[in-house]
Amino acid sequence: MHRKFEGFLSIILGIAGLILWLIPSIGICVSILGLLLGMKAYGSLSKHLGISGIIINVIALILTVLRSGLIALLT
């Protein structure tokens, strides 16, 4: 897979993770996949796309984990 495409896909998955953080099981999967693609893209020439994807996916992952922790705490 082309590294630039991986960086762009990481950003797209990060945005999807920000939308899907309300459904923890899906949000975690999407965010981790996007984070892995962002780290893979960071090792190539498209570092900016990789960094952007990593940041967005980390934010989505934190929101998802906080949401699932809040659900577990309240039940």
Protein backbone atom coordinates (compact mmCIF):
# COMPACT_ATOMS: atom_id res chain seq x y z
CA MET A 1 0.00 0.00 0.00
CA HIS A 2 1.30 3.45 -0.84
CA ARG A 3 2.49 5.40 2.23
CA LYS A 4 0.63 8.57 1.27
CA PHE A 5 -2.58 6.58 0.97
CA GLU A 6 -1.93 5.05 4.40
CA GLY A 7 -1.54 8.50 5.95
CA PHE A 8 -4.72 9.74 4.30
CA LEU A 9 -6.60 6.60 5.36
CA SER A 10 -5.33 7.11 8.91
CA ILE A 11 -6.85 10.60 8.96
CA ILE A 12 -10.15 9.28 7.57
CA LEU A 13 -10.25 6.53 10.22
CA GLY A 14 -9.45 9.11 12.88
CA ILE A 15 -12.41 11.22 11.83
CA ALA A 16 -14.58 8.09 11.80
CA GLY A 17 -13.26 7.26 15.28
CA LEU A 18 -14.25 10.72 16.49
CA ILE A 19 -17.75 10.05 15.23
CA LEU A 20 -17.91 6.46 16.52
CA TRP A 21 -16.52 7.12 20.02
CA LEU A 22 -20.07 6.82 21.32
CA ILE A 23 -20.03 3.11 20.40
CA PRO A 24 -16.92 1.92 22.29
CA SER A 25 -16.44 -1.49 20.66
CA ILE A 26 -16.40 -0.02 17.15
CA GLY A 27 -14.58 3.18 18.14
CA ILE A 28 -11.66 1.33 19.70
CA CYS A 29 -11.18 -0.91 16.65
CA VAL A 30 -11.33 1.98 14.19
CA SER A 31 -8.99 4.16 16.28
CA ILE A 32 -6.39 1.43 16.77
CA LEU A 33 -6.40 0.59 13.06
CA GLY A 34 -6.03 4.27 12.17
CA LEU A 35 -3.24 4.66 14.73
CA LEU A 36 -1.32 1.73 13.24
CA LEU A 37 -1.69 3.13 9.72
CA GLY A 38 -0.57 6.55 10.96
CA MET A 39 2.56 5.07 12.54
CA LYS A 40 3.30 3.17 9.35
CA ALA A 41 2.88 6.33 7.27
CA TYR A 42 5.07 8.30 9.70
CA GLY A 43 8.05 6.15 8.74
CA SER A 44 7.89 7.32 5.13
CA LEU A 45 8.05 10.60 3.25
CA SER A 46 4.47 11.54 4.18
CA LYS A 47 5.33 12.32 7.80
CA HIS A 48 2.78 15.15 8.03
CA LEU A 49 -0.11 12.88 7.10
CA GLY A 50 1.16 10.28 9.54
CA ILE A 51 1.45 12.77 12.41
CA SER A 52 -2.02 14.15 11.70
CA GLY A 53 -3.49 10.66 11.64
CA ILE A 54 -1.73 9.70 14.87
CA ILE A 55 -2.97 12.80 16.71
CA ILE A 56 -6.57 12.42 15.55
CA ASN A 57 -6.63 8.71 16.36
CA VAL A 58 -5.11 9.20 19.82
CA ILE A 59 -7.81 11.77 20.62
CA ALA A 60 -10.51 9.40 19.35
CA LEU A 61 -9.02 6.51 21.32
CA ILE A 62 -8.89 8.54 24.54
CA LEU A 63 -12.51 9.63 24.11
CA THR A 64 -13.58 6.05 23.42
CA VAL A 65 -11.75 4.65 26.46
CA LEU A 66 -13.17 7.39 28.70
CA ARG A 67 -16.65 6.68 27.36
CA SER A 68 -16.35 2.94 27.98
CA GLY A 69 -14.94 3.57 31.46
CA LEU A 70 -17.82 5.89 32.24
CA ILE A 71 -20.30 3.27 31.08
CA ALA A 72 -18.62 0.63 33.25
CA LEU A 73 -18.59 2.99 36.24
CA LEU A 74 -22.26 3.89 35.96
CA THR A 75 -23.56 0.33 35.55
